[in-house]
N, C-alpha and C. Protein backbone atom coordinates (compact mmCIF):
# COMPACT_ATOMS: atom_id res chain seq x y z
N MET A 1 -9.15 3.11 -39.52
CA MET A 1 -7.82 3.78 -39.30
C MET A 1 -6.61 2.85 -38.51
N GLN A 2 -5.62 2.87 -38.55
CA GLN A 2 -4.74 1.93 -38.11
C GLN A 2 -4.39 2.73 -36.72
N PHE A 3 -3.88 1.65 -35.92
CA PHE A 3 -3.46 2.21 -34.50
C PHE A 3 -2.43 3.05 -34.31
N ILE A 4 -1.15 3.02 -35.48
CA ILE A 4 -0.37 3.96 -35.15
C ILE A 4 -0.54 5.28 -35.46
N ILE A 5 -1.50 5.40 -36.62
CA ILE A 5 -2.00 6.66 -36.87
C ILE A 5 -2.90 7.34 -35.25
N TYR A 6 -3.55 6.59 -35.22
CA TYR A 6 -4.50 6.93 -33.98
C TYR A 6 -3.75 7.57 -32.81
N LEU A 7 -2.44 6.67 -32.57
CA LEU A 7 -1.72 6.84 -31.16
C LEU A 7 -0.86 8.43 -31.61
N LEU A 8 -0.47 8.13 -32.94
CA LEU A 8 0.18 9.54 -32.91
C LEU A 8 -0.76 10.88 -32.86
N ALA A 9 -1.56 10.56 -33.44
CA ALA A 9 -2.81 11.95 -33.53
C ALA A 9 -3.11 11.94 -32.04
N SER A 10 -3.16 11.27 -31.04
CA SER A 10 -3.65 11.35 -29.62
C SER A 10 -2.31 12.16 -29.06
N LEU A 11 -1.27 11.57 -29.30
CA LEU A 11 -0.16 11.92 -28.68
C LEU A 11 0.07 13.68 -29.35
N SER A 12 -0.12 13.93 -30.18
CA SER A 12 -0.09 15.07 -31.02
C SER A 12 -0.98 16.01 -30.16
N SER A 13 -2.29 15.71 -29.94
CA SER A 13 -3.34 16.39 -29.10
C SER A 13 -2.78 16.86 -27.88
N ILE A 14 -2.08 16.21 -27.51
CA ILE A 14 -1.40 16.35 -26.00
C ILE A 14 -0.35 17.44 -26.14
N LEU A 15 0.25 17.81 -27.34
CA LEU A 15 1.15 18.80 -27.43
C LEU A 15 0.73 20.22 -26.97
N GLY A 16 -0.56 20.37 -26.97
CA GLY A 16 -0.89 21.56 -26.47
C GLY A 16 -0.44 22.01 -25.19
N LEU A 17 -0.55 20.83 -24.29
CA LEU A 17 0.02 21.08 -23.25
C LEU A 17 1.32 21.40 -22.81
N ILE A 18 2.09 20.75 -23.69
CA ILE A 18 3.57 21.16 -23.97
C ILE A 18 3.89 22.89 -24.38
N ILE A 19 3.07 23.29 -25.41
CA ILE A 19 3.09 24.45 -26.11
C ILE A 19 2.66 25.49 -24.88
N GLY A 20 1.56 25.08 -24.05
CA GLY A 20 1.15 26.01 -22.83
C GLY A 20 2.38 26.13 -21.82
N ILE A 21 3.19 25.02 -21.76
CA ILE A 21 4.10 25.31 -20.70
C ILE A 21 5.44 26.27 -21.56
N LEU A 22 5.65 25.93 -22.67
CA LEU A 22 6.56 26.81 -23.39
C LEU A 22 6.27 28.24 -23.46
N LEU A 23 4.99 28.42 -23.70
CA LEU A 23 4.37 30.00 -23.57
C LEU A 23 4.94 30.71 -22.23
N VAL A 24 4.39 29.85 -21.12
CA VAL A 24 4.58 30.56 -19.89
C VAL A 24 6.26 30.67 -19.35
N ARG A 25 7.12 29.55 -20.08
CA ARG A 25 8.34 29.95 -19.91
C ARG A 25 9.20 31.07 -20.79
N ILE A 26 8.70 31.25 -21.98
CA ILE A 26 8.96 32.24 -22.73
C ILE A 26 8.55 33.63 -22.06
N ALA A 27 7.47 33.68 -21.72
CA ALA A 27 6.87 35.05 -21.24
C ALA A 27 6.12 34.84 -19.97
N PRO A 28 6.89 34.44 -19.04
CA PRO A 28 6.43 34.47 -17.53
C PRO A 28 5.43 35.75 -17.16
N GLU A 29 5.84 36.84 -17.34
CA GLU A 29 5.52 38.27 -16.97
C GLU A 29 3.99 38.13 -17.75
N GLU A 30 3.75 37.28 -18.57
CA GLU A 30 2.21 37.88 -19.35
C GLU A 30 1.30 36.71 -18.77
N GLN A 31 1.83 35.95 -17.70
CA GLN A 31 0.61 34.87 -17.31
C GLN A 31 -0.03 35.13 -16.33
N LYS A 32 0.18 36.08 -15.37
CA LYS A 32 -0.85 36.85 -14.54
C LYS A 32 -1.96 37.82 -15.19
N PRO A 33 -1.37 38.68 -15.92
CA PRO A 33 -2.31 39.61 -16.85
C PRO A 33 -3.28 38.71 -17.60
N LEU A 34 -2.86 37.78 -18.58
CA LEU A 34 -3.65 36.80 -18.98
C LEU A 34 -4.42 35.90 -18.51
N GLY A 35 -4.52 35.43 -17.40
CA GLY A 35 -5.03 34.69 -16.94
C GLY A 35 -6.24 34.43 -16.65
N LYS A 36 -7.22 35.75 -16.74
CA LYS A 36 -8.40 35.68 -16.99
C LYS A 36 -8.80 35.27 -18.24
N HIS A 37 -8.14 35.90 -19.39
CA HIS A 37 -8.22 35.30 -20.54
C HIS A 37 -7.92 33.79 -21.02
N PHE A 38 -7.21 33.09 -20.27
CA PHE A 38 -6.93 31.93 -20.19
C PHE A 38 -8.14 31.17 -20.03
N LEU A 39 -8.85 31.43 -18.52
CA LEU A 39 -10.23 30.85 -18.05
C LEU A 39 -11.05 31.00 -19.10
N TRP A 40 -11.42 32.16 -19.82
CA TRP A 40 -12.57 32.14 -20.47
C TRP A 40 -12.19 31.45 -21.77
N PHE A 41 -11.01 31.19 -22.22
CA PHE A 41 -10.34 30.47 -23.46
C PHE A 41 -10.84 29.08 -23.38
N ARG A 42 -10.43 28.80 -22.12
CA ARG A 42 -10.51 27.36 -21.81
C ARG A 42 -12.00 26.65 -21.73
N LYS A 43 -12.89 27.63 -21.17
CA LYS A 43 -14.16 27.44 -20.85
C LYS A 43 -14.83 27.27 -22.36
N ILE A 44 -14.51 28.34 -23.26
CA ILE A 44 -15.06 28.11 -24.52
C ILE A 44 -14.64 27.08 -25.30
N LEU A 45 -13.34 26.70 -25.14
CA LEU A 45 -12.95 25.50 -26.00
C LEU A 45 -13.78 24.33 -25.59
N LEU A 46 -14.03 24.01 -24.21
CA LEU A 46 -14.78 23.01 -23.49
C LEU A 46 -15.84 22.99 -23.98
N LEU A 47 -16.60 23.97 -24.36
CA LEU A 47 -18.05 24.00 -25.05
C LEU A 47 -17.99 23.34 -26.34
N LEU A 48 -16.70 24.05 -27.14
CA LEU A 48 -16.76 23.80 -28.74
C LEU A 48 -16.32 22.24 -28.81
N ILE A 49 -15.94 21.78 -27.95
CA ILE A 49 -15.36 20.32 -28.05
C ILE A 49 -16.62 19.49 -27.94
N PHE A 50 -17.54 19.93 -26.97
CA PHE A 50 -18.84 19.18 -27.05
C PHE A 50 -19.59 19.55 -28.23
N LEU A 51 -19.81 20.80 -28.77
CA LEU A 51 -20.72 21.12 -29.73
C LEU A 51 -20.67 20.59 -30.85
N VAL A 52 -19.20 20.44 -31.20
CA VAL A 52 -18.73 20.24 -32.69
C VAL A 52 -19.03 18.52 -32.88
N VAL A 53 -19.33 17.87 -31.79
CA VAL A 53 -19.53 16.56 -31.90
C VAL A 53 -21.27 16.15 -32.24
N ILE A 54 -21.82 17.19 -31.71
CA ILE A 54 -23.42 17.06 -31.80
C ILE A 54 -23.94 16.79 -32.97
N PRO A 55 -23.64 17.62 -33.99
CA PRO A 55 -24.15 17.39 -35.33
C PRO A 55 -23.77 16.07 -36.13
N TYR A 56 -22.56 15.38 -35.63
CA TYR A 56 -22.28 14.03 -35.88
C TYR A 56 -23.15 12.93 -35.29
N SER A 57 -23.47 13.13 -34.21
CA SER A 57 -24.38 12.00 -33.27
C SER A 57 -25.71 12.33 -33.08
N TYR A 58 -26.39 13.20 -33.93
CA TYR A 58 -27.56 13.35 -33.68
C TYR A 58 -28.63 12.00 -34.25
N ALA A 59 -28.03 11.07 -34.79
CA ALA A 59 -28.87 10.03 -35.43
C ALA A 59 -28.62 8.68 -34.22
N ASN A 60 -27.69 8.92 -33.52
CA ASN A 60 -27.47 7.85 -32.38
C ASN A 60 -28.01 8.50 -31.08
N LEU A 61 -28.96 8.43 -30.71
CA LEU A 61 -29.64 8.77 -29.63
C LEU A 61 -28.96 8.57 -28.23
N PRO A 62 -28.74 7.03 -27.92
CA PRO A 62 -27.85 6.81 -26.77
C PRO A 62 -26.69 7.68 -26.62
N TYR A 63 -25.83 7.62 -27.60
CA TYR A 63 -24.73 8.40 -27.98
C TYR A 63 -24.72 10.07 -27.46
N LEU A 64 -25.83 10.51 -27.94
CA LEU A 64 -26.25 11.89 -27.78
C LEU A 64 -26.44 12.25 -26.31
N ALA A 65 -27.37 11.21 -25.86
CA ALA A 65 -27.71 11.40 -24.42
C ALA A 65 -26.31 11.42 -23.34
N ALA A 66 -25.61 10.35 -23.77
CA ALA A 66 -24.35 10.04 -23.03
C ALA A 66 -23.47 11.27 -23.09
N LEU A 67 -23.41 11.99 -24.53
CA LEU A 67 -22.86 13.29 -24.83
C LEU A 67 -23.10 14.65 -23.75
N ILE A 68 -24.62 14.43 -23.78
CA ILE A 68 -25.05 15.54 -22.97
C ILE A 68 -24.87 15.43 -21.54
N ILE A 69 -25.31 14.16 -20.99
CA ILE A 69 -24.90 13.69 -19.58
C ILE A 69 -23.41 14.19 -19.21
N SER A 70 -22.46 13.78 -20.24
CA SER A 70 -21.01 13.86 -19.68
C SER A 70 -20.82 15.33 -19.66
N PHE A 71 -21.36 16.22 -20.59
CA PHE A 71 -21.21 17.93 -20.66
C PHE A 71 -21.68 18.31 -19.23
N MET A 72 -22.91 18.06 -18.98
CA MET A 72 -23.53 18.49 -17.79
C MET A 72 -22.59 17.89 -16.44
N LEU A 73 -21.92 17.01 -16.59
CA LEU A 73 -21.13 16.49 -15.28
C LEU A 73 -19.94 17.32 -15.24
N LEU A 74 -19.32 17.66 -16.61
CA LEU A 74 -18.15 18.57 -16.47
C LEU A 74 -18.42 19.84 -16.14
N ILE A 75 -19.55 20.43 -16.65
CA ILE A 75 -19.76 21.43 -16.19
C ILE A 75 -20.25 21.80 -14.72
N PHE A 76 -20.80 20.72 -14.08
CA PHE A 76 -21.04 20.88 -12.48
C PHE A 76 -19.75 20.55 -11.93
N PHE A 77 -18.53 20.00 -12.49
CA PHE A 77 -17.61 19.91 -11.84
C PHE A 77 -16.46 21.17 -12.02
N GLU A 78 -16.80 21.88 -12.96
CA GLU A 78 -15.98 22.97 -13.54
C GLU A 78 -16.01 24.01 -12.23
N PHE A 79 -17.05 24.21 -11.49
CA PHE A 79 -17.09 24.95 -10.49
C PHE A 79 -17.02 24.37 -9.00
N ARG A 80 -16.55 23.26 -8.90
CA ARG A 80 -16.72 22.46 -7.87
C ARG A 80 -15.06 22.12 -7.48
N LEU A 81 -14.41 21.75 -8.44
CA LEU A 81 -12.97 21.10 -7.94
C LEU A 81 -12.06 22.31 -8.69
N ASP A 82 -10.59 21.79 -8.14
CA ASP A 82 -9.28 22.66 -8.69
C ASP A 82 -8.95 22.57 -9.79
N LEU A 83 -8.27 23.24 -10.38
CA LEU A 83 -7.81 23.50 -11.96
C LEU A 83 -7.51 21.90 -12.40
N VAL A 84 -6.31 21.41 -11.41
CA VAL A 84 -5.67 20.11 -11.92
C VAL A 84 -6.50 18.92 -11.92
N LYS A 85 -7.45 18.89 -10.83
CA LYS A 85 -8.83 17.67 -11.13
C LYS A 85 -9.70 18.20 -12.09
N LYS A 86 -10.02 19.15 -12.31
CA LYS A 86 -10.92 19.42 -13.39
C LYS A 86 -10.39 19.05 -14.98
N SER A 87 -8.83 19.42 -14.84
CA SER A 87 -8.20 19.06 -16.28
C SER A 87 -8.13 17.50 -16.21
N ILE A 88 -7.77 16.75 -15.34
CA ILE A 88 -7.76 15.36 -15.30
C ILE A 88 -9.30 14.67 -15.70
N LEU A 89 -10.35 15.58 -15.19
CA LEU A 89 -11.91 14.88 -15.41
C LEU A 89 -11.85 15.34 -17.14
N ASP A 90 -11.51 16.46 -17.22
CA ASP A 90 -11.91 16.85 -18.93
C ASP A 90 -11.15 16.13 -19.51
N TYR A 91 -9.86 15.76 -19.61
CA TYR A 91 -9.05 15.10 -20.21
C TYR A 91 -9.69 13.46 -20.43
N GLY A 92 -10.25 13.06 -19.24
CA GLY A 92 -10.69 11.68 -19.33
C GLY A 92 -12.01 11.72 -20.32
N ALA A 93 -12.90 12.81 -20.20
CA ALA A 93 -13.76 12.84 -21.03
C ALA A 93 -13.88 13.15 -22.48
N PHE A 94 -12.47 13.60 -22.77
CA PHE A 94 -12.38 13.97 -24.02
C PHE A 94 -11.95 12.64 -25.00
N SER A 95 -11.37 11.76 -23.91
CA SER A 95 -10.51 10.29 -24.60
C SER A 95 -11.96 9.59 -25.12
N ILE A 96 -13.04 9.58 -24.57
CA ILE A 96 -14.05 8.84 -25.04
C ILE A 96 -14.95 9.71 -26.50
N LEU A 97 -14.81 11.01 -26.33
CA LEU A 97 -15.21 11.96 -27.32
C LEU A 97 -14.35 11.51 -28.54
N TYR A 98 -12.68 11.30 -28.21
CA TYR A 98 -12.04 11.20 -29.15
C TYR A 98 -12.07 9.94 -29.73
N PHE A 99 -12.27 8.77 -29.06
CA PHE A 99 -12.60 7.37 -29.70
C PHE A 99 -13.60 7.42 -30.54
N PHE A 100 -14.94 8.05 -30.07
CA PHE A 100 -15.98 8.03 -30.93
C PHE A 100 -15.66 9.11 -32.44
N SER A 101 -14.99 10.03 -32.03
CA SER A 101 -14.82 10.65 -33.31
C SER A 101 -14.06 10.15 -34.28
N SER A 102 -13.13 9.02 -33.96
CA SER A 102 -12.29 8.41 -35.02
C SER A 102 -13.03 7.95 -35.94
N GLN A 103 -14.31 7.44 -35.84
CA GLN A 103 -14.99 6.97 -36.92
C GLN A 103 -15.13 7.86 -38.26
N ASN A 104 -15.13 9.06 -37.82
CA ASN A 104 -15.30 10.16 -39.04
C ASN A 104 -13.95 11.05 -39.05
N LEU A 105 -13.52 11.04 -40.18
CA LEU A 105 -11.99 11.49 -40.37
C LEU A 105 -11.91 13.27 -39.98
N ASN A 106 -12.80 13.91 -40.58
CA ASN A 106 -13.30 15.11 -40.42
C ASN A 106 -13.40 15.58 -38.86
N LEU A 107 -14.54 14.72 -38.21
CA LEU A 107 -14.67 15.23 -37.06
C LEU A 107 -13.47 14.92 -35.92
N PHE A 108 -12.58 13.84 -36.24
CA PHE A 108 -11.31 13.32 -35.85
C PHE A 108 -10.46 14.35 -35.84
N ALA A 109 -10.29 15.06 -37.08
CA ALA A 109 -9.09 16.29 -37.23
C ALA A 109 -9.82 17.48 -36.25
N ILE A 110 -11.10 17.55 -36.42
CA ILE A 110 -11.35 18.97 -35.48
C ILE A 110 -11.32 18.71 -34.06
N GLU A 111 -11.73 17.42 -33.70
CA GLU A 111 -11.33 17.02 -32.11
C GLU A 111 -10.01 17.10 -31.84
N THR A 112 -9.36 16.59 -32.57
CA THR A 112 -7.74 16.74 -32.41
C THR A 112 -7.31 18.13 -32.10
N SER A 113 -7.63 18.94 -32.91
CA SER A 113 -7.10 20.42 -33.17
C SER A 113 -7.74 20.99 -31.86
N LEU A 114 -9.07 20.76 -31.39
CA LEU A 114 -9.67 21.56 -30.61
C LEU A 114 -9.03 21.09 -29.02
N ILE A 115 -8.56 19.90 -28.87
CA ILE A 115 -8.06 19.10 -27.79
C ILE A 115 -6.45 19.93 -27.57
N LEU A 116 -5.75 20.15 -28.75
CA LEU A 116 -4.62 20.69 -28.58
C LEU A 116 -4.70 22.24 -28.19
N LEU A 117 -5.67 22.95 -29.06
CA LEU A 117 -6.02 24.28 -28.28
C LEU A 117 -6.15 24.42 -26.79
N TYR A 118 -7.25 23.47 -26.41
CA TYR A 118 -7.62 23.24 -24.97
C TYR A 118 -6.12 23.36 -23.95
N GLY A 119 -5.13 22.42 -24.49
CA GLY A 119 -4.29 22.35 -23.52
C GLY A 119 -3.52 23.61 -23.35
N MET A 120 -3.21 24.11 -24.24
CA MET A 120 -2.49 25.58 -24.01
C MET A 120 -3.01 26.34 -22.96
N PRO A 121 -4.09 26.66 -22.71
CA PRO A 121 -4.48 27.78 -21.79
C PRO A 121 -4.56 26.93 -20.43
N THR A 122 -4.57 25.71 -20.52
CA THR A 122 -4.83 24.64 -19.62
C THR A 122 -3.52 24.74 -18.77
N ALA A 123 -2.17 24.48 -19.68
CA ALA A 123 -1.18 24.24 -19.23
C ALA A 123 -0.63 25.59 -18.76
N SER A 124 -0.97 26.57 -19.17
CA SER A 124 -0.76 27.87 -18.82
C SER A 124 -0.98 28.64 -17.30
N LEU A 125 -2.35 28.01 -17.27
CA LEU A 125 -3.03 28.49 -15.95
C LEU A 125 -2.54 27.41 -14.84
N LEU A 126 -2.03 26.21 -15.15
CA LEU A 126 -1.48 25.35 -14.25
C LEU A 126 0.18 25.34 -13.96
N PHE A 127 0.84 26.17 -14.97
CA PHE A 127 2.11 26.08 -14.75
C PHE A 127 2.71 27.27 -13.65
N LYS A 128 3.30 26.79 -12.64
CA LYS A 128 3.96 27.84 -11.72
C LYS A 128 5.29 27.53 -12.08
N ARG A 129 6.29 28.29 -11.09
CA ARG A 129 7.73 28.24 -11.39
C ARG A 129 8.29 26.75 -10.78
N LYS A 130 7.70 26.53 -9.94
CA LYS A 130 8.21 24.90 -9.21
C LYS A 130 8.50 24.14 -10.40
N SER A 131 9.23 23.23 -10.38
CA SER A 131 9.92 22.14 -11.39
C SER A 131 8.86 21.12 -11.24
N GLU A 132 8.18 20.47 -10.04
CA GLU A 132 6.99 19.27 -9.97
C GLU A 132 6.01 19.80 -11.10
N ASP A 133 5.65 21.11 -11.11
CA ASP A 133 4.55 21.53 -11.91
C ASP A 133 4.72 21.07 -13.29
N LYS A 134 5.29 20.87 -13.66
CA LYS A 134 5.65 20.46 -15.26
C LYS A 134 5.23 18.94 -15.19
N TYR A 135 5.34 18.04 -14.22
CA TYR A 135 5.03 16.51 -14.31
C TYR A 135 3.49 16.63 -13.97
N LYS A 136 3.01 17.58 -13.01
CA LYS A 136 1.61 17.63 -12.77
C LYS A 136 0.74 17.86 -14.07
N ILE A 137 1.33 18.89 -14.67
CA ILE A 137 0.45 19.36 -15.95
C ILE A 137 0.50 17.88 -17.14
N LEU A 138 1.76 17.29 -17.11
CA LEU A 138 1.49 16.25 -18.16
C LEU A 138 0.97 15.15 -17.40
N PHE A 139 0.72 15.13 -16.04
CA PHE A 139 -0.12 13.81 -15.60
C PHE A 139 -1.69 14.01 -15.96
N CYS A 140 -2.11 15.10 -16.17
CA CYS A 140 -3.31 15.53 -16.87
C CYS A 140 -3.56 14.83 -18.11
N ALA A 141 -2.53 14.79 -18.49
CA ALA A 141 -2.96 14.01 -20.14
C ALA A 141 -3.01 12.39 -20.08
N PHE A 142 -2.33 11.91 -19.02
CA PHE A 142 -2.40 10.25 -18.80
C PHE A 142 -3.61 9.60 -19.17
N PRO A 143 -4.87 10.30 -18.34
CA PRO A 143 -6.01 9.48 -18.53
C PRO A 143 -6.62 9.64 -19.93
N PHE A 144 -6.29 10.85 -20.70
CA PHE A 144 -6.57 10.63 -22.03
C PHE A 144 -5.99 9.74 -23.00
N ILE A 145 -4.62 9.67 -22.88
CA ILE A 145 -3.88 8.72 -23.65
C ILE A 145 -4.14 7.23 -23.19
N ILE A 146 -4.32 7.06 -22.06
CA ILE A 146 -4.66 5.90 -21.84
C ILE A 146 -5.82 5.10 -22.29
N ILE A 147 -6.84 5.98 -21.81
CA ILE A 147 -8.36 5.61 -22.22
C ILE A 147 -8.60 5.74 -23.56
N ALA A 148 -8.24 6.75 -24.26
CA ALA A 148 -8.45 6.76 -25.81
C ALA A 148 -7.81 5.50 -26.47
N ASN A 149 -6.58 5.15 -26.01
CA ASN A 149 -5.89 4.25 -27.11
C ASN A 149 -6.43 2.77 -26.57
N PHE A 150 -6.73 2.69 -25.10
CA PHE A 150 -7.42 1.41 -24.56
C PHE A 150 -8.89 1.14 -25.46
N LEU A 151 -9.52 2.03 -25.48
CA LEU A 151 -10.99 1.89 -26.47
C LEU A 151 -10.76 1.85 -27.83
N PHE A 152 -9.55 2.22 -28.34
CA PHE A 152 -9.52 1.89 -29.63
C PHE A 152 -9.09 0.52 -29.85
N LEU A 153 -8.08 -0.06 -29.17
CA LEU A 153 -7.64 -1.46 -28.94
C LEU A 153 -8.59 -2.33 -28.81
N ILE A 154 -9.44 -2.15 -27.66
CA ILE A 154 -10.40 -3.07 -27.35
C ILE A 154 -11.79 -3.17 -28.48
N TYR A 155 -12.01 -2.10 -29.14
CA TYR A 155 -13.09 -2.27 -30.29
C TYR A 155 -12.40 -2.88 -31.47
N HIS A 156 -10.97 -2.57 -31.71
CA HIS A 156 -10.53 -3.18 -33.01
C HIS A 156 -10.40 -4.80 -32.83
N PHE A 157 -9.97 -5.10 -31.69
CA PHE A 157 -9.40 -6.45 -31.52
C PHE A 157 -10.76 -7.22 -31.21
N SER A 158 -11.88 -6.56 -30.61
CA SER A 158 -12.97 -7.54 -30.31
C SER A 158 -13.74 -7.60 -31.63
N PHE A 159 -13.37 -6.72 -32.58
CA PHE A 159 -14.04 -7.19 -34.08
C PHE A 159 -13.30 -7.97 -34.59
N LEU A 160 -11.92 -7.99 -34.56
CA LEU A 160 -11.29 -9.05 -35.26
C LEU A 160 -11.29 -10.53 -34.81
N THR A 161 -11.80 -10.67 -33.71
CA THR A 161 -11.84 -12.22 -33.22
C THR A 161 -13.34 -12.87 -33.32
N PHE A 162 -14.10 -11.90 -33.81
CA PHE A 162 -15.48 -12.33 -34.34
C PHE A 162 -15.67 -12.60 -35.88
N LYS A 163 -14.49 -12.21 -36.45
CA LYS A 163 -14.77 -12.39 -38.00
C LYS A 163 -14.30 -13.70 -38.65
């Protein structure tokens, strides 16, 4: 896969955060009544993002063990941190899953879609009327963009130098 395709796909998966902000700005009166549903939708998507990867990683035991451990850590932090810190950790973990899913185009498309969907309820829950909240929400995406693209570049440049 070419880097520009990978970069644009990673940026498009972050569009869920922007869509979530737009949803709240269009219908702010629905934010409070739907907050409980957004929390459940966010947790279900978190589970799905990890469950979808498992059938593709059963042959690679170290990767499967790392996947299960990272999921358990995210579940542990899910009940201990506030939503902004949880979102930053979640997107950091998603970047590693996203990089590993780039080896299989079907899995890559599914993970991109699920991360996009995950961003909508997350941004809807984080968004308040203050102007600095928009930047705080987009800050949650920085670990994803930086780590996912850095891993891709390191992986491909390390194999280019040894050929």
